[in-house]
Protein backbone atom coordinates (compact mmCIF):
# COMPACT_ATOMS: atom_id res chain seq x y z
CA MET A 1 -0.01 0.03 0.00
CA SER A 2 2.83 2.45 0.84
CA TYR A 3 4.46 1.62 -2.49
CA GLU A 4 1.21 2.30 -4.33
CA ARG A 5 0.75 5.55 -2.51
CA GLY A 6 4.32 6.72 -3.26
CA ARG A 7 3.93 5.57 -6.89
CA GLY A 8 0.72 7.57 -7.17
CA TRP A 9 2.46 10.75 -6.20
CA VAL A 10 5.07 10.05 -8.84
CA ILE A 11 2.34 9.67 -11.39
CA LEU A 12 0.78 12.87 -10.18
CA ALA A 13 4.01 14.82 -10.55
CA THR A 14 4.59 13.31 -13.96
CA THR A 15 1.14 14.36 -15.07
CA PHE A 16 1.69 17.84 -13.69
CA ILE A 17 4.83 18.34 -15.85
CA THR A 18 3.33 16.68 -18.92
CA LEU A 19 0.24 19.04 -18.74
CA ALA A 20 2.56 22.01 -18.36
CA VAL A 21 4.50 21.09 -21.51
CA ILE A 22 1.57 20.11 -23.84
CA TYR A 23 -0.88 22.82 -22.78
CA GLY A 24 1.85 25.36 -22.69
CA VAL A 25 2.13 24.58 -26.43
CA TRP A 26 -1.68 24.66 -26.75
CA TYR A 27 -2.17 28.11 -25.33
CA SER A 28 0.99 29.57 -26.88
CA TYR A 29 -0.99 29.48 -30.15
CA SER A 30 -2.43 32.79 -28.97
CA VAL A 31 0.90 34.57 -29.68
CA PHE A 32 1.60 32.51 -32.77
CA LEU A 33 -1.77 33.72 -34.09
CA VAL A 34 -0.54 37.33 -34.01
CA ALA A 35 2.77 36.39 -35.63
CA LEU A 36 1.13 34.34 -38.43
CA VAL A 37 -1.39 37.08 -39.27
CA ARG A 38 1.43 39.56 -39.50
CA GLU A 39 3.66 37.24 -41.58
CA PHE A 40 1.14 36.17 -44.17
CA SER A 41 -1.66 38.84 -43.93
CA TRP A 42 -4.16 36.04 -43.46
CA SER A 43 -7.49 36.76 -41.77
CA ARG A 44 -7.84 36.00 -38.07
CA SER A 45 -10.61 33.55 -38.76
CA LEU A 46 -8.33 31.58 -41.16
CA VAL A 47 -5.49 31.39 -38.60
CA ALA A 48 -7.82 30.72 -35.68
CA GLY A 49 -9.52 28.14 -37.87
CA ALA A 50 -6.29 26.07 -37.92
CA PHE A 51 -6.48 25.97 -34.12
CA SER A 52 -10.21 25.05 -34.29
CA PHE A 53 -9.43 22.27 -36.73
CA PHE A 54 -6.67 21.00 -34.46
CA VAL A 55 -9.05 20.96 -31.45
CA LEU A 56 -11.95 19.30 -33.33
CA LEU A 57 -9.73 16.45 -34.59
CA HIS A 58 -8.08 16.13 -31.22
CA GLY A 59 -11.52 15.82 -29.59
CA GLY A 60 -12.97 13.57 -32.22
CA LEU A 61 -10.33 11.01 -31.46
CA GLY A 62 -11.31 10.91 -27.75
CA PRO A 63 -13.56 7.78 -27.91
CA GLY A 64 -10.84 5.91 -29.81
CA VAL A 65 -8.22 6.96 -27.27
CA GLY A 66 -10.43 5.79 -24.47
CA TRP A 67 -10.79 2.47 -26.21
CA LEU A 68 -7.02 2.15 -26.61
CA LEU A 69 -6.44 2.97 -22.89
CA ARG A 70 -8.64 0.06 -21.78
CA ARG A 71 -6.66 -2.31 -23.93
CA LEU A 72 -3.08 -1.04 -23.96
CA GLY A 73 -2.73 1.01 -20.84
CA PRO A 74 -1.43 4.56 -20.74
CA ARG A 75 2.35 4.16 -21.47
CA LEU A 76 2.42 3.30 -25.21
CA PRO A 77 -0.21 5.88 -26.30
CA ILE A 78 1.53 8.62 -24.34
CA LEU A 79 4.92 7.65 -25.74
CA VAL A 80 3.72 7.57 -29.29
CA GLY A 81 1.65 10.70 -28.87
CA ALA A 82 4.68 12.77 -27.62
CA VAL A 83 6.78 11.80 -30.65
CA VAL A 84 3.95 12.55 -33.17
CA MET A 85 3.20 15.84 -31.44
CA GLY A 86 6.79 16.87 -31.61
CA VAL A 87 6.98 16.02 -35.30
CA GLY A 88 3.80 18.02 -35.92
CA LEU A 89 5.29 21.15 -34.37
CA VAL A 90 8.51 20.89 -36.37
CA LEU A 91 6.45 20.50 -39.56
CA THR A 92 4.31 23.52 -38.58
CA ALA A 93 7.50 25.58 -38.65
CA GLU A 94 7.76 24.86 -42.39
CA THR A 95 4.41 26.57 -43.13
CA THR A 96 4.29 28.66 -46.27
CA ALA A 97 0.65 28.24 -47.23
CA TRP A 98 -2.50 28.10 -45.14
CA TRP A 99 -3.11 24.43 -45.84
CA HIS A 100 0.37 23.59 -44.54
CA LEU A 101 -0.66 25.05 -41.22
CA TYR A 102 -3.91 23.05 -41.20
CA LEU A 103 -2.16 19.85 -42.03
CA ALA A 104 0.92 20.11 -39.82
CA PHE A 105 -0.66 21.69 -36.82
CA GLY A 106 -4.33 20.86 -37.34
CA VAL A 107 -3.76 17.18 -38.12
CA VAL A 108 -0.38 15.78 -37.14
CA THR A 109 -0.01 17.81 -33.97
CA ALA A 110 -3.68 17.06 -33.00
CA VAL A 111 -3.21 13.35 -33.38
CA GLY A 112 -0.09 13.47 -31.10
CA MET A 113 -1.79 15.54 -28.41
CA SER A 114 -4.87 13.26 -28.39
CA LEU A 115 -2.61 10.25 -27.55
CA THR A 116 -0.43 12.01 -24.95
CA GLY A 117 -2.84 14.64 -23.62
CA TRP A 118 -5.94 15.16 -21.61
CA VAL A 119 -7.92 11.98 -21.84
CA PRO A 120 -5.07 9.56 -21.07
CA LEU A 121 -3.89 11.70 -18.22
CA VAL A 122 -7.42 12.18 -16.66
CA VAL A 123 -7.98 8.43 -16.79
CA LEU A 124 -4.50 7.76 -15.27
CA VAL A 125 -5.06 10.22 -12.36
CA ARG A 126 -8.66 8.96 -11.72
CA ASN A 127 -7.63 5.35 -11.29
CA TRP A 128 -4.73 6.23 -8.97
CA PHE A 129 -6.90 8.55 -6.86
CA PRO A 130 -10.51 7.45 -7.12
CA ASP A 131 -11.61 8.80 -3.72
CA ARG A 132 -10.11 12.30 -4.09
CA PHE A 133 -10.38 12.77 -7.76
CA GLY A 134 -11.15 16.45 -7.65
CA THR A 135 -8.27 17.20 -5.40
CA ALA A 136 -5.79 15.05 -7.40
CA MET A 137 -7.00 16.71 -10.66
CA GLY A 138 -6.55 20.06 -9.01
CA ILE A 139 -2.94 19.25 -8.32
CA ALA A 140 -2.16 17.69 -11.66
CA SER A 141 -4.02 20.23 -13.77
CA ALA A 142 -2.19 23.07 -12.06
CA GLY A 143 0.52 22.09 -14.40
CA ILE A 144 -1.57 23.59 -17.19
CA GLY A 145 -1.30 26.95 -15.32
CA VAL A 146 2.47 26.56 -15.13
CA GLY A 147 2.56 25.90 -18.81
CA ILE A 148 0.56 29.06 -19.50
CA LEU A 149 2.66 31.10 -17.19
CA GLY A 150 5.95 29.87 -18.64
CA VAL A 151 5.42 28.92 -22.24
CA ILE A 152 3.30 31.76 -23.57
CA PRO A 153 5.75 34.52 -22.62
CA LEU A 154 8.68 32.26 -23.56
CA ALA A 155 7.09 31.58 -27.03
CA GLN A 156 6.69 35.43 -27.51
CA LEU A 157 10.40 35.93 -26.59
CA MET A 158 11.51 33.27 -28.91
CA ILE A 159 9.38 34.74 -31.77
CA GLU A 160 10.91 38.12 -31.11
CA TRP A 161 14.48 36.71 -30.94
CA TRP A 162 14.46 33.96 -33.51
CA GLY A 163 11.20 34.17 -35.38
CA TRP A 164 8.07 32.06 -35.13
CA ARG A 165 9.48 29.20 -37.16
CA TRP A 166 12.31 28.50 -34.69
CA ALA A 167 9.86 28.97 -31.84
CA PHE A 168 7.72 26.12 -33.17
CA ARG A 169 10.84 23.92 -33.61
CA ALA A 170 11.98 24.59 -30.11
CA LEU A 171 8.55 23.65 -28.71
CA GLY A 172 8.62 20.40 -30.67
CA VAL A 173 12.06 19.49 -29.17
CA VAL A 174 10.81 20.15 -25.71
CA THR A 175 7.74 18.00 -26.21
CA VAL A 176 9.74 15.01 -27.44
CA GLY A 177 12.56 15.59 -24.86
CA TRP A 178 10.12 15.32 -21.96
CA GLY A 179 7.53 12.94 -23.50
CA ILE A 180 9.81 10.04 -24.25
CA PRO A 181 11.59 9.61 -20.96
CA SER A 182 8.51 10.33 -18.86
CA ALA A 183 6.54 7.63 -20.71
CA LEU A 184 9.27 5.08 -20.60
CA TRP A 185 10.45 5.53 -16.95
CA LEU A 186 7.69 7.22 -14.97
CA VAL A 187 4.21 6.36 -16.36
CA GLN A 188 2.67 3.15 -15.08
CA ALA A 189 -0.72 1.59 -15.43
CA PRO A 190 -2.76 2.26 -12.25
CA PRO A 191 -3.53 -0.53 -9.81
CA ALA A 192 -6.66 -2.55 -10.38
CA PHE A 193 -9.62 -0.24 -9.94
CA LYS A 194 -11.31 -1.08 -6.64
CA ALA A 195 -14.83 -0.48 -5.58
CA ALA A 196 -14.57 2.65 -3.53
CA SER A 197 -16.79 3.96 -0.84
CA THR A 198 -18.60 7.18 -1.23
CA GLY A 199 -16.28 10.19 -0.49
CA PRO A 200 -17.01 13.39 1.31
CA THR A 201 -19.95 15.62 0.64
CA GLY A 202 -20.07 16.28 -3.12
CA SER A 203 -17.72 13.47 -4.01
CA HIS A 204 -18.69 10.11 -5.46
CA SER A 205 -16.06 7.86 -6.76
CA GLY A 206 -18.45 6.05 -8.92
CA ALA A 207 -16.97 2.62 -8.65
CA ALA A 208 -19.86 0.89 -6.90
CA THR A 209 -20.71 -2.76 -6.82
CA GLY A 210 -23.31 -4.04 -9.20
CA PRO A 211 -23.96 -2.92 -12.77
CA SER A 212 -21.40 -0.52 -14.16
CA TRP A 213 -21.90 2.29 -16.68
CA THR A 214 -20.94 1.60 -20.34
CA LEU A 215 -20.97 4.00 -23.13
CA ALA A 216 -24.15 2.41 -24.47
CA THR A 217 -26.04 2.91 -21.15
CA ALA A 218 -24.62 6.35 -20.63
CA VAL A 219 -25.77 7.85 -23.98
CA ASN A 220 -29.28 6.74 -23.06
CA SER A 221 -29.17 8.87 -19.97
CA TRP A 222 -30.29 12.55 -20.21
CA ARG A 223 -27.50 13.38 -17.80
CA PHE A 224 -24.87 12.29 -20.26
CA TRP A 225 -26.19 14.95 -22.65
CA GLY A 226 -26.53 17.44 -19.80
CA VAL A 227 -22.91 16.94 -18.98
CA ALA A 228 -21.96 17.32 -22.62
CA ALA A 229 -23.89 20.66 -22.60
CA VAL A 230 -22.13 21.81 -19.53
CA TYR A 231 -18.81 21.08 -21.16
CA VAL A 232 -19.87 23.00 -24.33
CA LEU A 233 -21.04 26.03 -22.42
CA GLY A 234 -18.24 26.07 -19.90
CA ASN A 235 -15.42 25.79 -22.47
CA PHE A 236 -16.79 27.95 -25.27
CA GLY A 237 -16.33 31.32 -23.74
CA THR A 238 -13.22 30.56 -21.72
CA GLN A 239 -11.40 29.22 -24.75
CA MET A 240 -12.45 32.16 -26.83
CA LEU A 241 -10.76 34.53 -24.44
CA MET A 242 -7.75 32.32 -23.83
CA ILE A 243 -6.89 32.32 -27.55
CA HIS A 244 -7.89 35.84 -28.46
CA GLN A 245 -6.98 37.74 -25.32
CA VAL A 246 -3.47 38.71 -26.56
CA ALA A 247 -4.89 39.83 -29.99
CA TYR A 248 -7.61 41.85 -28.19
CA LEU A 249 -5.08 43.58 -25.95
CA VAL A 250 -2.63 44.26 -28.88
CA ASP A 251 -5.59 45.89 -30.79
CA GLN A 252 -5.93 48.26 -27.83
CA GLU A 253 -2.26 49.20 -28.31
CA VAL A 254 -1.02 47.20 -25.39
CA PRO A 255 2.58 46.02 -26.28
CA ALA A 256 2.67 42.39 -27.44
CA LEU A 257 5.08 41.31 -24.69
CA THR A 258 2.88 42.97 -22.04
CA ALA A 259 -0.15 41.27 -23.49
CA ALA A 260 1.73 37.91 -23.46
CA SER A 261 2.65 38.58 -19.83
CA VAL A 262 -0.95 39.18 -18.87
CA ALA A 263 -1.84 35.81 -20.53
CA GLY A 264 1.00 34.19 -18.51
CA ALA A 265 -0.48 35.79 -15.36
CA VAL A 266 -3.78 34.12 -16.10
CA GLY A 267 -1.80 30.86 -15.97
CA LEU A 268 -0.11 31.83 -12.75
CA VAL A 269 -3.43 32.45 -10.97
CA SER A 270 -4.95 29.28 -12.42
CA ILE A 271 -2.32 27.29 -10.67
CA GLY A 272 -3.74 27.95 -7.23
CA ALA A 273 -7.28 28.20 -8.56
CA LYS A 274 -7.18 24.62 -9.98
CA LEU A 275 -5.95 23.16 -6.58
CA GLY A 276 -8.41 25.31 -4.60
CA TRP A 277 -11.42 24.51 -6.76
CA GLY A 278 -10.51 20.84 -6.86
CA ILE A 279 -10.40 20.61 -3.05
CA LEU A 280 -13.53 22.72 -2.60
CA SER A 281 -15.51 20.61 -5.03
CA ASP A 282 -14.57 17.38 -3.14
CA ARG A 283 -15.76 19.00 0.12
CA ALA A 284 -18.55 21.39 -0.83
CA GLY A 285 -19.83 19.92 -4.07
CA ARG A 286 -19.27 20.53 -7.78
CA GLU A 287 -22.34 22.78 -8.17
CA LEU A 288 -21.33 25.49 -5.72
CA THR A 289 -17.70 25.42 -6.93
CA CYS A 290 -18.77 26.03 -10.53
CA SER A 291 -21.08 28.82 -9.55
CA LEU A 292 -18.35 30.71 -7.69
CA ALA A 293 -15.74 30.14 -10.48
CA PHE A 294 -18.00 31.31 -13.28
CA GLY A 295 -18.99 34.34 -11.19
CA CYS A 296 -15.31 35.26 -11.26
CA PHE A 297 -15.22 34.71 -15.05
CA VAL A 298 -18.26 37.00 -15.61
CA VAL A 299 -16.61 39.84 -13.60
CA GLY A 300 -13.37 39.12 -15.51
CA ILE A 301 -15.06 39.82 -18.87
CA GLY A 302 -15.96 43.26 -17.52
CA ALA A 303 -12.46 43.84 -16.36
CA LEU A 304 -11.09 42.97 -19.81
CA VAL A 305 -13.41 45.48 -21.43
CA LEU A 306 -12.27 48.14 -19.01
CA ALA A 307 -8.64 47.17 -19.48
CA GLY A 308 -9.05 47.70 -23.25
CA ARG A 309 -10.37 51.14 -22.82
CA HIS A 310 -7.92 52.07 -19.96
CA PRO A 311 -4.93 49.70 -20.18
CA THR A 312 -3.49 50.30 -16.71
CA ALA A 313 -1.55 47.66 -14.92
CA ALA A 314 -4.25 47.38 -12.24
CA LEU A 315 -6.97 46.60 -14.81
CA LEU A 316 -4.75 44.34 -16.97
CA TYR A 317 -3.70 42.15 -14.07
CA GLY A 318 -7.05 42.42 -12.29
CA TYR A 319 -8.50 40.78 -15.43
CA ALA A 320 -5.78 38.13 -15.31
CA VAL A 321 -6.64 37.35 -11.68
CA LEU A 322 -10.40 36.98 -12.44
CA MET A 323 -9.85 35.04 -15.63
CA GLY A 324 -7.41 32.71 -13.97
CA LEU A 325 -9.94 31.99 -11.16
CA GLY A 326 -12.72 31.37 -13.59
CA TYR A 327 -10.76 29.32 -16.07
CA GLY A 328 -9.17 27.31 -13.25
CA VAL A 329 -12.37 25.40 -12.50
CA LEU A 330 -12.54 23.51 -15.78
CA SER A 331 -9.64 21.04 -15.42
CA PRO A 332 -10.24 19.69 -11.90
CA VAL A 333 -14.02 19.94 -11.61
CA PHE A 334 -15.43 19.12 -15.06
CA PRO A 335 -13.91 15.66 -15.15
CA SER A 336 -15.02 15.11 -11.58
CA ILE A 337 -18.60 15.75 -12.67
CA ALA A 338 -18.44 12.99 -15.23
CA SER A 339 -16.71 10.70 -12.77
CA ASP A 340 -19.41 11.27 -10.12
CA LEU A 341 -22.17 10.37 -12.61
CA PHE A 342 -20.56 7.75 -14.77
CA GLY A 343 -17.81 6.08 -12.78
CA GLY A 344 -16.67 2.49 -13.15
CA SER A 345 -14.67 0.51 -15.66
CA GLY A 346 -16.41 2.12 -18.52
CA PHE A 347 -15.23 5.61 -17.65
CA PRO A 348 -12.37 5.88 -20.12
CA THR A 349 -14.65 5.33 -23.08
CA ILE A 350 -17.50 7.49 -21.67
CA TYR A 351 -15.17 10.38 -20.75
CA GLY A 352 -13.34 10.07 -24.12
CA SER A 353 -16.72 10.50 -25.81
CA LEU A 354 -17.71 13.43 -23.55
CA TYR A 355 -14.31 15.03 -24.35
CA THR A 356 -15.59 15.36 -27.94
CA ALA A 357 -18.20 17.82 -26.68
CA ILE A 358 -15.40 19.75 -24.88
CA CYS A 359 -13.37 19.95 -28.03
CA ILE A 360 -16.37 21.10 -30.12
CA ALA A 361 -16.54 24.13 -27.71
CA LEU A 362 -12.76 24.59 -27.67
CA ALA A 363 -12.82 24.71 -31.44
CA ALA A 364 -15.99 26.78 -31.92
CA GLY A 365 -15.08 29.53 -29.41
CA PRO A 366 -11.89 30.82 -31.02
CA TRP A 367 -13.26 30.42 -34.58
CA VAL A 368 -16.51 32.28 -33.67
CA ALA A 369 -14.47 35.10 -32.13
CA GLY A 370 -12.29 35.32 -35.23
CA GLN A 371 -15.35 35.43 -37.50
CA VAL A 372 -16.93 38.17 -35.33
CA TYR A 373 -13.81 40.23 -35.56
CA ASP A 374 -13.50 39.75 -39.31
CA LEU A 375 -17.07 40.85 -39.89
CA THR A 376 -17.26 43.69 -37.32
CA HIS A 377 -13.59 44.55 -36.67
CA SER A 378 -14.44 44.30 -32.98
CA TYR A 379 -14.70 41.57 -30.30
CA THR A 380 -17.77 43.14 -28.67
CA VAL A 381 -20.32 40.57 -29.89
CA ALA A 382 -17.90 37.75 -28.98
CA LEU A 383 -17.53 39.09 -25.43
CA TRP A 384 -21.42 39.18 -25.03
CA ILE A 385 -21.55 35.52 -26.20
CA ALA A 386 -18.85 34.56 -23.64
CA LEU A 387 -20.86 36.28 -20.97
CA ALA A 388 -24.00 34.26 -21.89
CA THR A 389 -22.24 30.97 -21.78
CA ALA A 390 -20.61 31.81 -18.40
CA VAL A 391 -24.04 32.39 -16.88
CA LEU A 392 -25.73 29.33 -18.33
CA ALA A 393 -22.97 26.75 -17.55
CA PRO A 394 -23.30 26.72 -13.69
CA VAL A 395 -27.13 26.78 -13.98
CA LEU A 396 -26.93 23.53 -15.99
CA VAL A 397 -24.59 22.06 -13.47
CA TRP A 398 -27.18 22.42 -10.76
CA ILE A 399 -29.71 20.74 -13.09
CA VAL A 400 -27.40 17.79 -13.91
CA ALA A 401 -26.77 17.52 -10.14
CA PRO A 402 -23.59 15.40 -9.83
CA ARG A 403 -24.24 15.32 -6.03
CA ARG A 404 -27.18 12.96 -6.66
CA PRO A 405 -25.92 10.32 -9.16
CA ASN A 406 -28.21 7.63 -10.58
CA PRO A 407 -27.09 4.02 -10.38
CA PRO A 408 -26.26 2.51 -13.80
CA PRO A 409 -29.05 0.43 -15.25
CA ALA A 410 -28.79 -3.34 -15.17
CA TRP A 411 -28.99 -5.06 -18.57
CA PRO A 412 -31.94 -7.49 -18.64
């Protein structure tokens, strides 16, 4: 037992660093977007569309990745994914036409990230820490905040020093340099999943005796589609701002490096937010936690508008604090909602399928914001859309009610 506990913390630390690397790359696209628009004079919707295509393909592979995890375990997919992702980033550096960007980043990099990224790591953490999933995901997903804090400003500096092509190559080398040894030496399949007792208030490990949820039974439950809707609403507006916040601030004559630093500060705040929201959700429930976090996001949208009109340090970094708090709820609490409702041996495939809904929102948000800007030369309408989704998401969490899960149906 002591060995398993110690190994679990090694897995958690490995997941933390892996998420920092791969999602640092993910969110650094916000500074590459500005560089690519300047280099090629492409529209923002075209450049943002490559990211949206990347996210859609990445999410569409989720059910298949979940299937692979149940049969192969986590090590081989994570290893192969890191190599493919690194190759994709190096190929992206050779872009000279829009379709090169879509093929190298939107396809090759997306395939790599789907194998080494969110779904494998969520399943890995859940099976090592079934009774404190929210807290464990809060710790692990804080790595995303570290990646945002470190990689976005670093990518901007590399673009200014060496150009965007060498910046992409450098990120590809880092991805492979960490991914191969971590998968070979640190990642291990979790211990056999045990039936766990119900956790503290608001926490349900979902591995109960009796019938277990499968993808077939889950899709026949209205709550499956309710969770999918929560994922879409919760991620649409946050991803819209995460990808376009640098461009928005640069439009308001904020220096590019300052705007990248603000984006990095969002990541810094989200580090503590992810851990705090994860712990709170295990103790006070997912519903209350989501309501508080999205309240911060709503106020953050207002702070961003004010910062655009009056770009003082107080407003810029006030926005970063509020955005970091709001965005920080997604990684630890949203997977916990699915785990509460659809736990058991079928969780990898069920969550992989739900992850498709997340990626639809992750893809649609940046693309819609780019379209809005191209049509109106302003982000105003996009910000109103983000506000609406931020209000609706926690309302739907209360309706889905992960604090009161239904037992899986027994097949006749």
